[in-house]
Amino acid sequence: MIDTEKSSEIAFAESAQDHVQFDRLQQLLRELAMFGGRDDGGVSREALTDIDLQARRFLIDKARSLGCEVRIDDCANLFFRRRGLSDLPPVLTGSHADTQPVGGKLDGAYGVVGGLEVIAALNDAGIETQRAIEVVAWTNEEGCRFGPGAMGSSAFVDPRRLTEYRKSMDATGMSFGDAVDLALKAVADVPRRPMAEQMSACVELHIEQGPVLERAQVPLGVVSGIQSVRWYQLHLTGSAGHAGTMPMEERTDAMAAAVGLAHQFYDYRVRHATDTLRLTLGRWQVSPNSINTIPGSVTFTVDVRSVDEQVLAQFESAMNDMIRDYNWAGSIAVENLFARPPTLFPDTMLAVIEQACERACTKALLAPPMRLTSGAFHDAMYLADQCPTAMIFVPSKGGISHNAAEETDPRELFLGVQALAYAVTILANLPLEK
């Protein structure tokens, strides 16, 4: 029943929130997790694999059963559209359905399933929205089979990226372009849509993938933005030699030099940046990689992130100084792989998300939501370049993600979708432009 004493936008949003069904949400999460499900509770569903295509067909059928129009674009992004009363740009929600080689059942999938549950709740409440609502399942957010990640969302916003993305190869030699073409062929019954279509707003619901909300004992997070990030690759070239015959003082050992630099980087973080800088030396390649040969070359990556772009600029300057001043006989080359400034979600969107989360938490007699910054990339990072965007987080037990042990309390998953339903309904019923 709609409360006529309230504004229609608020009344509809509250009704949508109250029609979210706990059991229906859990059932759909279980059903999607069966595609690539593992005995340890994890999910293995890499982008555009056969099992991912089966999951996509499942989502198509589910969306159609809810009365949605289904469309797909040239990057194989799937869109499930609930019609609105106007032809104005729609409100977008959703996330991605692909996983890491061994991932959990919530990362990405929760946002897609949550969006479909919002549509089901609106149907149950008999609510028509002024704007259409679209739930998206982005292609290859994880970036583990084809690099880089977030291909689908970034190509949707800027279709020029797709040409290079199609050249990306997986470990078997298949190109992303060929995999996309196979995915499009598998859904020949789904009409094509153009890319870069304007959205009025976007809200992504996601698990936190970190420990902040759980430690604070807060069930919902209002995400204020996404950290800035810079990636580098260092290549050190020394001289390979026999491990038993070459005296230590005469070696040009690339691994010794790389380890020395790594220690300097970690020391810098402790001395200068403390908790404002997150530093990861994540990928190492050693040549010739033999037990009894001095490493002749080492390549490793540096991932630095911060909510403050200036912190990253200072680290980059210090890193270049350390490399220039490093005392050894070999050479060091640095390559800048990627840089992204911080994503800051607009205050108007944060106000809507905060209102949605506060009502859900209050009705559940739980602590109010808190604001936090995302340390991980999300598709919302790219949508923020195109339209007003925001995110909602729910806690991750132990902060664990990209792991079969990934888990969130089902009651918190329910609250997250309730908050999403409220926010999406508000945004889809904002007064129309004159």
Protein backbone atom coordinates (compact mmCIF):
# COMPACT_ATOMS: atom_id res chain seq x y z
CA MET A 1 0.00 0.00 0.00
CA ILE A 2 1.40 3.39 -1.04
CA ASP A 3 1.37 6.11 1.64
CA THR A 4 -0.34 9.03 -0.12
CA GLU A 5 0.76 11.49 2.58
CA LYS A 6 4.35 11.20 1.43
CA SER A 7 5.77 12.39 -1.87
CA SER A 8 5.14 9.85 -4.56
CA GLU A 9 8.85 9.30 -5.14
CA ILE A 10 9.47 8.43 -1.46
CA ALA A 11 6.32 6.35 -1.16
CA PHE A 12 7.19 4.29 -4.22
CA ALA A 13 10.77 3.82 -3.03
CA GLU A 14 9.66 2.59 0.39
CA SER A 15 7.17 0.21 -1.17
CA ALA A 16 9.79 -1.21 -3.51
CA GLN A 17 12.17 -1.67 -0.59
CA ASP A 18 9.52 -3.44 1.44
CA HIS A 19 8.69 -5.86 -1.40
CA VAL A 20 12.21 -7.29 -1.66
CA GLN A 21 11.99 -11.00 -0.74
CA PHE A 22 14.71 -12.68 1.32
CA ASP A 23 13.99 -16.24 0.14
CA ARG A 24 13.71 -15.30 -3.54
CA LEU A 25 17.05 -13.48 -3.40
CA GLN A 26 18.81 -16.42 -1.75
CA GLN A 27 17.31 -18.87 -4.22
CA LEU A 28 18.52 -16.90 -7.24
CA LEU A 29 22.02 -16.57 -5.74
CA ARG A 30 22.12 -20.35 -5.25
CA GLU A 31 20.89 -21.03 -8.76
CA LEU A 32 23.46 -18.77 -10.41
CA ALA A 33 26.24 -20.25 -8.25
CA MET A 34 25.50 -23.69 -9.72
CA PHE A 35 27.10 -22.55 -12.99
CA GLY A 36 30.73 -23.28 -12.27
CA GLY A 37 30.03 -24.29 -8.67
CA ARG A 38 32.74 -26.23 -6.85
CA ASP A 39 32.69 -28.72 -3.99
CA ASP A 40 34.45 -26.20 -1.72
CA GLY A 41 31.61 -23.70 -2.14
CA GLY A 42 33.49 -21.55 -4.61
CA VAL A 43 32.66 -20.78 -8.23
CA SER A 44 34.84 -21.08 -11.33
CA ARG A 45 33.18 -19.11 -14.14
CA GLU A 46 35.71 -17.16 -16.15
CA ALA A 47 34.51 -14.71 -18.77
CA LEU A 48 32.98 -16.14 -21.95
CA THR A 49 33.81 -19.76 -21.15
CA ASP A 50 31.17 -22.38 -21.92
CA ILE A 51 29.97 -22.30 -18.31
CA ASP A 52 29.72 -18.51 -18.42
CA LEU A 53 27.62 -18.73 -21.60
CA GLN A 54 25.31 -21.17 -19.82
CA ALA A 55 25.00 -18.75 -16.89
CA ARG A 56 24.18 -15.96 -19.32
CA ARG A 57 21.38 -18.01 -20.85
CA PHE A 58 20.03 -18.64 -17.35
CA LEU A 59 20.01 -14.89 -16.65
CA ILE A 60 18.33 -14.14 -19.97
CA ASP A 61 15.55 -16.60 -19.21
CA LYS A 62 15.13 -15.26 -15.67
CA ALA A 63 14.94 -11.65 -16.88
CA ARG A 64 12.37 -12.52 -19.53
CA SER A 65 10.27 -14.29 -16.92
CA LEU A 66 10.17 -10.97 -15.04
CA GLY A 67 8.87 -9.18 -18.14
CA CYS A 68 12.19 -7.61 -19.15
CA GLU A 69 13.33 -6.83 -22.65
CA VAL A 70 16.81 -8.36 -23.15
CA ARG A 71 19.47 -6.81 -25.39
CA ILE A 72 23.20 -7.30 -25.94
CA ASP A 73 25.94 -5.03 -27.30
CA ASP A 74 29.09 -5.60 -29.35
CA CYS A 75 31.13 -6.40 -26.21
CA ALA A 76 28.56 -9.04 -25.18
CA ASN A 77 27.29 -6.94 -22.26
CA LEU A 78 23.77 -8.13 -21.38
CA PHE A 79 21.04 -5.61 -20.52
CA PHE A 80 17.70 -6.51 -18.91
CA ARG A 81 15.26 -3.61 -19.31
CA ARG A 82 12.10 -2.96 -17.33
CA ARG A 83 10.18 -0.37 -19.29
CA GLY A 84 9.40 3.07 -17.89
CA LEU A 85 6.62 5.52 -18.62
CA SER A 86 8.96 7.83 -20.58
CA ASP A 87 11.71 7.49 -23.15
CA LEU A 88 14.24 9.40 -21.04
CA PRO A 89 17.60 7.74 -20.36
CA PRO A 90 17.21 4.79 -17.98
CA VAL A 91 18.61 4.10 -14.53
CA LEU A 92 21.29 1.41 -14.63
CA THR A 93 22.21 -1.15 -12.00
CA GLY A 94 23.94 -4.53 -12.05
CA SER A 95 27.53 -5.75 -12.02
CA HIS A 96 29.28 -8.76 -13.59
CA ALA A 97 28.76 -12.52 -13.57
CA ASP A 98 32.28 -13.73 -14.39
CA THR A 99 34.59 -14.90 -11.61
CA GLN A 100 38.24 -15.47 -10.89
CA PRO A 101 39.55 -18.98 -11.78
CA VAL A 102 38.55 -19.90 -8.23
CA GLY A 103 36.26 -17.22 -6.86
CA GLY A 104 33.23 -16.91 -4.65
CA LYS A 105 29.53 -16.89 -5.41
CA LEU A 106 28.97 -13.21 -4.58
CA ASP A 107 31.64 -11.06 -6.25
CA GLY A 108 29.84 -9.43 -9.16
CA ALA A 109 27.03 -11.98 -9.22
CA TYR A 110 25.39 -10.37 -6.18
CA GLY A 111 24.95 -7.09 -8.03
CA VAL A 112 23.33 -8.78 -11.04
CA VAL A 113 21.04 -10.93 -8.92
CA GLY A 114 20.24 -7.95 -6.70
CA GLY A 115 19.17 -5.94 -9.73
CA LEU A 116 16.84 -8.71 -10.88
CA GLU A 117 15.35 -8.93 -7.38
CA VAL A 118 14.66 -5.18 -7.51
CA ILE A 119 12.69 -5.71 -10.71
CA ALA A 120 10.78 -8.58 -9.10
CA ALA A 121 9.99 -6.36 -6.09
CA LEU A 122 8.74 -3.54 -8.33
CA ASN A 123 6.54 -6.03 -10.17
CA ASP A 124 5.11 -7.33 -6.88
CA ALA A 125 4.46 -3.79 -5.66
CA GLY A 126 2.76 -2.85 -8.92
CA ILE A 127 5.01 0.19 -9.31
CA GLU A 128 5.56 1.86 -12.66
CA THR A 129 8.61 4.12 -12.86
CA GLN A 130 9.01 7.19 -15.01
CA ARG A 131 12.34 6.03 -16.35
CA ALA A 132 13.19 2.54 -17.49
CA ILE A 133 15.42 0.46 -15.22
CA GLU A 134 18.15 -1.66 -16.77
CA VAL A 135 20.08 -4.42 -15.05
CA VAL A 136 23.42 -5.13 -16.71
CA ALA A 137 25.76 -8.12 -16.62
CA TRP A 138 29.09 -6.66 -17.77
CA THR A 139 31.57 -8.77 -19.72
CA ASN A 140 35.00 -9.68 -18.31
CA GLU A 141 35.19 -7.49 -15.25
CA GLU A 142 37.71 -9.80 -13.58
CA GLY A 143 40.33 -9.66 -16.35
CA CYS A 144 41.81 -13.06 -15.43
CA ARG A 145 41.15 -14.84 -18.75
CA PHE A 146 41.54 -11.76 -20.95
CA GLY A 147 43.29 -8.57 -19.87
CA PRO A 148 42.58 -5.90 -18.85
CA GLY A 149 39.66 -6.14 -16.47
CA ALA A 150 36.40 -4.20 -16.69
CA MET A 151 36.43 -4.55 -20.46
CA GLY A 152 32.66 -4.54 -20.81
CA SER A 153 31.92 -1.39 -18.84
CA SER A 154 34.90 0.58 -20.15
CA ALA A 155 34.09 -0.34 -23.77
CA PHE A 156 30.43 0.54 -23.28
CA VAL A 157 31.38 4.02 -22.14
CA ASP A 158 34.07 4.41 -24.84
CA PRO A 159 33.50 1.93 -27.72
CA ARG A 160 36.87 2.86 -29.28
CA ARG A 161 38.49 0.64 -26.65
CA LEU A 162 36.87 -2.48 -28.09
CA THR A 163 39.18 -2.65 -31.11
CA GLU A 164 42.24 -3.24 -28.90
CA TYR A 165 40.36 -5.40 -26.44
CA ARG A 166 39.42 -7.83 -29.22
CA LYS A 167 43.12 -8.56 -29.74
CA SER A 168 43.66 -9.74 -26.15
CA MET A 169 44.56 -13.44 -25.96
CA ASP A 170 43.90 -16.03 -23.28
CA ALA A 171 46.34 -18.78 -22.28
CA THR A 172 45.07 -21.10 -25.03
CA GLY A 173 45.58 -18.56 -27.81
CA MET A 174 41.90 -17.61 -28.21
CA SER A 175 41.29 -13.91 -28.73
CA PHE A 176 38.74 -11.93 -26.80
CA GLY A 177 37.21 -10.94 -30.12
CA ASP A 178 36.63 -14.57 -31.11
CA ALA A 179 35.18 -15.32 -27.67
CA VAL A 180 32.80 -12.37 -27.96
CA ASP A 181 31.70 -13.49 -31.42
CA LEU A 182 30.93 -16.97 -30.07
CA ALA A 183 28.97 -15.45 -27.19
CA LEU A 184 26.93 -13.31 -29.58
CA LYS A 185 26.24 -16.31 -31.79
CA ALA A 186 25.04 -18.29 -28.74
CA VAL A 187 22.29 -15.70 -28.10
CA ALA A 188 21.09 -15.11 -31.63
CA ASP A 189 17.59 -14.60 -30.19
CA VAL A 190 18.74 -11.50 -28.28
CA PRO A 191 18.56 -8.19 -30.20
CA ARG A 192 21.70 -6.05 -30.48
CA ARG A 193 21.89 -2.61 -28.84
CA PRO A 194 24.31 0.25 -29.50
CA MET A 195 27.10 1.04 -27.09
CA ALA A 196 27.63 4.39 -25.33
CA GLU A 197 23.90 4.97 -24.89
CA GLN A 198 23.30 7.61 -22.25
CA MET A 199 22.19 6.55 -18.77
CA SER A 200 20.56 8.93 -16.29
CA ALA A 201 22.27 7.33 -13.27
CA CYS A 202 24.02 4.13 -12.21
CA VAL A 203 24.08 2.30 -8.86
CA GLU A 204 26.26 -0.76 -8.37
CA LEU A 205 25.66 -3.09 -5.44
CA HIS A 206 28.70 -5.13 -4.38
CA ILE A 207 30.32 -6.98 -1.53
CA GLU A 208 33.03 -4.90 0.12
CA GLN A 209 35.86 -7.43 -0.45
CA GLY A 210 37.59 -5.94 2.58
CA PRO A 211 37.22 -5.90 6.39
CA VAL A 212 36.13 -2.32 7.12
CA LEU A 213 32.35 -2.80 7.48
CA GLU A 214 32.66 -6.05 9.42
CA ARG A 215 35.16 -4.54 11.88
CA ALA A 216 32.88 -1.55 12.40
CA GLN A 217 29.86 -3.88 12.82
CA VAL A 218 28.00 -1.87 10.19
CA PRO A 219 25.73 -3.73 7.76
CA LEU A 220 25.76 -1.28 4.83
CA GLY A 221 28.34 1.01 3.29
CA VAL A 222 27.82 4.18 1.26
CA VAL A 223 30.78 4.18 -1.12
CA SER A 224 32.12 7.71 -1.55
CA GLY A 225 34.55 6.80 -4.33
CA ILE A 226 37.27 4.49 -5.61
CA GLN A 227 40.98 4.84 -4.86
CA SER A 228 43.41 6.16 -7.43
CA VAL A 229 45.88 3.59 -8.76
CA ARG A 230 49.15 3.41 -10.67
CA TRP A 231 50.79 0.27 -12.07
CA TYR A 232 54.44 -0.08 -13.08
CA GLN A 233 56.61 -2.87 -14.43
CA LEU A 234 60.33 -2.99 -13.61
CA HIS A 235 62.75 -5.01 -15.71
CA LEU A 236 66.21 -5.65 -14.26
CA THR A 237 68.91 -7.09 -16.51
CA GLY A 238 72.05 -8.57 -15.01
CA SER A 239 74.13 -11.57 -15.99
CA ALA A 240 73.26 -15.24 -15.58
CA GLY A 241 75.96 -17.54 -14.29
CA HIS A 242 76.73 -20.76 -12.47
CA ALA A 243 75.40 -20.77 -8.90
CA GLY A 244 78.37 -22.73 -7.58
CA THR A 245 81.35 -21.22 -9.38
CA MET A 246 80.70 -17.48 -9.60
CA PRO A 247 81.95 -15.63 -6.47
CA MET A 248 79.26 -13.59 -4.71
CA GLU A 249 81.16 -10.31 -5.02
CA GLU A 250 81.52 -10.70 -8.80
CA ARG A 251 77.88 -11.40 -9.62
CA THR A 252 75.40 -9.13 -11.38
CA ASP A 253 72.43 -10.90 -9.81
CA ALA A 254 69.12 -9.51 -11.07
CA MET A 255 67.17 -11.11 -8.24
CA ALA A 256 69.42 -9.64 -5.56
CA ALA A 257 68.93 -6.22 -7.11
CA ALA A 258 65.15 -6.67 -7.39
CA VAL A 259 64.89 -7.78 -3.77
CA GLY A 260 66.97 -4.79 -2.69
CA LEU A 261 64.67 -2.40 -4.51
CA ALA A 262 61.60 -4.15 -3.12
CA HIS A 263 62.89 -3.58 0.42
CA GLN A 264 63.40 0.10 -0.35
CA PHE A 265 59.83 0.40 -1.65
CA TYR A 266 58.37 -1.25 1.44
CA ASP A 267 60.56 0.88 3.71
CA TYR A 268 59.31 4.01 1.94
CA ARG A 269 55.70 3.06 2.64
CA VAL A 270 56.43 2.62 6.33
CA ARG A 271 58.46 5.82 6.66
CA HIS A 272 56.46 8.21 4.49
CA ALA A 273 52.96 7.04 3.69
CA THR A 274 51.80 4.70 6.50
CA ASP A 275 48.17 3.65 5.86
CA THR A 276 47.51 6.16 3.08
CA LEU A 277 49.48 4.09 0.53
CA ARG A 278 48.76 0.50 -0.44
CA LEU A 279 51.73 -1.16 -2.11
CA THR A 280 51.79 -4.57 -3.82
CA LEU A 281 54.61 -6.21 -5.76
CA GLY A 282 52.36 -8.78 -7.31
CA ARG A 283 53.86 -10.48 -10.38
CA TRP A 284 57.41 -11.79 -10.64
CA GLN A 285 59.15 -13.35 -13.61
CA VAL A 286 62.69 -14.70 -13.21
CA SER A 287 64.97 -15.85 -16.01
CA PRO A 288 66.34 -18.43 -16.53
CA ASN A 289 64.39 -19.58 -13.44
CA SER A 290 66.76 -22.45 -12.74
CA ILE A 291 67.69 -23.71 -9.29
CA ASN A 292 71.42 -23.61 -9.96
CA THR A 293 71.70 -20.50 -12.16
CA ILE A 294 72.16 -16.90 -11.05
CA PRO A 295 69.11 -14.95 -12.28
CA GLY A 296 70.07 -12.94 -15.35
CA SER A 297 66.85 -10.93 -15.50
CA VAL A 298 63.88 -10.22 -13.27
CA THR A 299 60.63 -8.48 -14.12
CA PHE A 300 58.16 -7.49 -11.41
CA THR A 301 55.12 -5.28 -11.08
CA VAL A 302 54.33 -2.50 -8.63
CA ASP A 303 50.70 -1.68 -7.76
CA VAL A 304 50.18 1.45 -5.64
CA ARG A 305 46.82 2.84 -4.55
CA SER A 306 45.62 5.70 -2.40
CA VAL A 307 42.61 7.90 -1.85
CA ASP A 308 45.03 10.82 -2.34
CA GLU A 309 46.48 11.21 -5.84
CA GLN A 310 49.34 13.29 -4.42
CA VAL A 311 50.51 10.33 -2.34
CA LEU A 312 50.94 8.32 -5.56
CA ALA A 313 52.79 11.17 -7.27
CA GLN A 314 55.20 11.37 -4.35
CA PHE A 315 55.79 7.62 -4.41
CA GLU A 316 56.46 7.67 -8.16
CA SER A 317 59.04 10.41 -7.74
CA ALA A 318 60.70 8.54 -4.86
CA MET A 319 60.65 5.25 -6.80
CA ASN A 320 62.40 6.86 -9.77
CA ASP A 321 65.02 8.31 -7.44
CA MET A 322 65.63 4.91 -5.85
CA ILE A 323 66.04 3.29 -9.25
CA ARG A 324 68.37 6.04 -10.52
CA ASP A 325 70.55 5.87 -7.41
CA TYR A 326 70.57 2.09 -7.05
CA ASN A 327 74.16 0.85 -6.96
CA TRP A 328 74.65 -2.18 -9.14
CA ALA A 329 76.26 -3.09 -12.47
CA GLY A 330 73.11 -4.07 -14.34
CA SER A 331 70.33 -2.03 -15.90
CA ILE A 332 66.81 -1.18 -14.75
CA ALA A 333 63.97 -0.20 -17.08
CA VAL A 334 60.61 1.10 -15.83
CA GLU A 335 57.33 0.90 -17.75
CA ASN A 336 54.15 2.73 -16.73
CA LEU A 337 51.36 0.20 -17.30
CA PHE A 338 48.26 1.98 -16.05
CA ALA A 339 47.13 5.03 -14.11
CA ARG A 340 43.69 6.04 -12.96
CA PRO A 341 42.84 9.08 -10.82
CA PRO A 342 40.43 8.67 -7.91
CA THR A 343 36.75 8.26 -8.74
CA LEU A 344 34.59 10.52 -6.57
CA PHE A 345 30.86 9.85 -6.59
CA PRO A 346 28.68 13.01 -6.58
CA ASP A 347 27.09 14.24 -3.36
CA THR A 348 23.60 14.10 -4.87
CA MET A 349 23.99 10.37 -5.49
CA LEU A 350 25.53 9.76 -2.07
CA ALA A 351 22.52 11.45 -0.46
CA VAL A 352 20.14 9.06 -2.23
CA ILE A 353 22.23 6.02 -1.28
CA GLU A 354 22.51 7.19 2.33
CA GLN A 355 18.75 7.68 2.57
CA ALA A 356 18.14 4.21 1.12
CA CYS A 357 20.62 2.52 3.45
CA GLU A 358 19.44 4.40 6.53
CA ARG A 359 15.85 3.27 6.08
CA ALA A 360 16.87 -0.36 5.56
CA CYS A 361 19.12 -0.32 8.64
CA THR A 362 16.55 1.47 10.81
CA LYS A 363 13.78 -0.98 9.97
CA ALA A 364 16.13 -3.86 10.79
CA LEU A 365 17.13 -2.21 14.12
CA LEU A 366 20.79 -2.21 13.06
CA ALA A 367 23.60 0.33 13.10
CA PRO A 368 23.34 3.15 10.55
CA PRO A 369 25.41 2.97 7.36
CA MET A 370 28.90 4.41 7.11
CA ARG A 371 30.81 6.01 4.27
CA LEU A 372 33.96 4.37 2.94
CA THR A 373 36.22 4.34 -0.09
CA SER A 374 36.57 1.29 -2.34
CA GLY A 375 40.07 -0.11 -2.57
CA ALA A 376 39.16 -2.31 -5.56
CA PHE A 377 38.23 -1.47 -9.14
CA HIS A 378 34.57 -1.81 -10.09
CA ASP A 379 32.58 -1.26 -13.27
CA ALA A 380 31.09 1.81 -11.58
CA MET A 381 34.51 3.45 -11.98
CA TYR A 382 33.95 3.70 -15.73
CA LEU A 383 30.23 4.47 -15.60
CA ALA A 384 31.11 7.47 -13.44
CA ASP A 385 32.69 8.97 -16.58
CA GLN A 386 29.29 8.91 -18.29
CA CYS A 387 26.57 9.52 -15.71
CA PRO A 388 25.99 10.20 -11.99
CA THR A 389 27.11 7.00 -10.28
CA ALA A 390 27.28 5.50 -6.79
CA MET A 391 27.85 2.17 -5.03
CA ILE A 392 26.46 0.26 -2.06
CA PHE A 393 28.65 -2.17 -0.11
CA VAL A 394 27.70 -5.05 2.17
CA PRO A 395 30.28 -6.61 4.53
CA SER A 396 32.61 -9.45 3.55
CA LYS A 397 33.33 -11.94 6.32
CA GLY A 398 37.00 -11.69 7.18
CA GLY A 399 37.42 -9.30 4.26
CA ILE A 400 37.86 -12.38 2.04
CA SER A 401 37.12 -12.29 -1.69
CA HIS A 402 38.49 -13.86 -4.90
CA ASN A 403 38.38 -17.02 -2.83
CA ALA A 404 36.01 -19.95 -2.35
CA ALA A 405 35.64 -18.86 1.30
CA GLU A 406 34.04 -15.54 0.26
CA GLU A 407 30.90 -15.04 2.35
CA THR A 408 28.42 -12.41 3.55
CA ASP A 409 25.66 -12.87 6.11
CA PRO A 410 22.42 -13.51 4.16
CA ARG A 411 20.63 -10.85 6.25
CA GLU A 412 23.17 -8.27 5.09
CA LEU A 413 22.76 -9.38 1.48
CA PHE A 414 19.02 -8.81 1.92
CA LEU A 415 19.57 -5.33 3.38
CA GLY A 416 21.82 -4.41 0.47
CA VAL A 417 19.13 -5.27 -2.07
CA GLN A 418 16.54 -3.42 -0.02
CA ALA A 419 18.75 -0.32 -0.15
CA LEU A 420 19.28 -0.82 -3.89
CA ALA A 421 15.53 -1.09 -4.51
CA TYR A 422 14.91 2.20 -2.70
CA ALA A 423 17.72 4.05 -4.48
CA VAL A 424 16.91 2.80 -7.96
CA THR A 425 13.21 3.60 -7.53
CA ILE A 426 13.95 7.13 -6.34
CA LEU A 427 16.27 7.72 -9.30
CA ALA A 428 13.80 6.23 -11.79
CA ASN A 429 11.00 8.48 -10.49
CA LEU A 430 12.81 11.80 -10.26
CA PRO A 431 10.69 14.63 -11.70
CA LEU A 432 10.96 14.70 -15.46
CA GLU A 433 12.72 17.56 -17.20
CA LYS A 434 10.43 20.17 -18.70
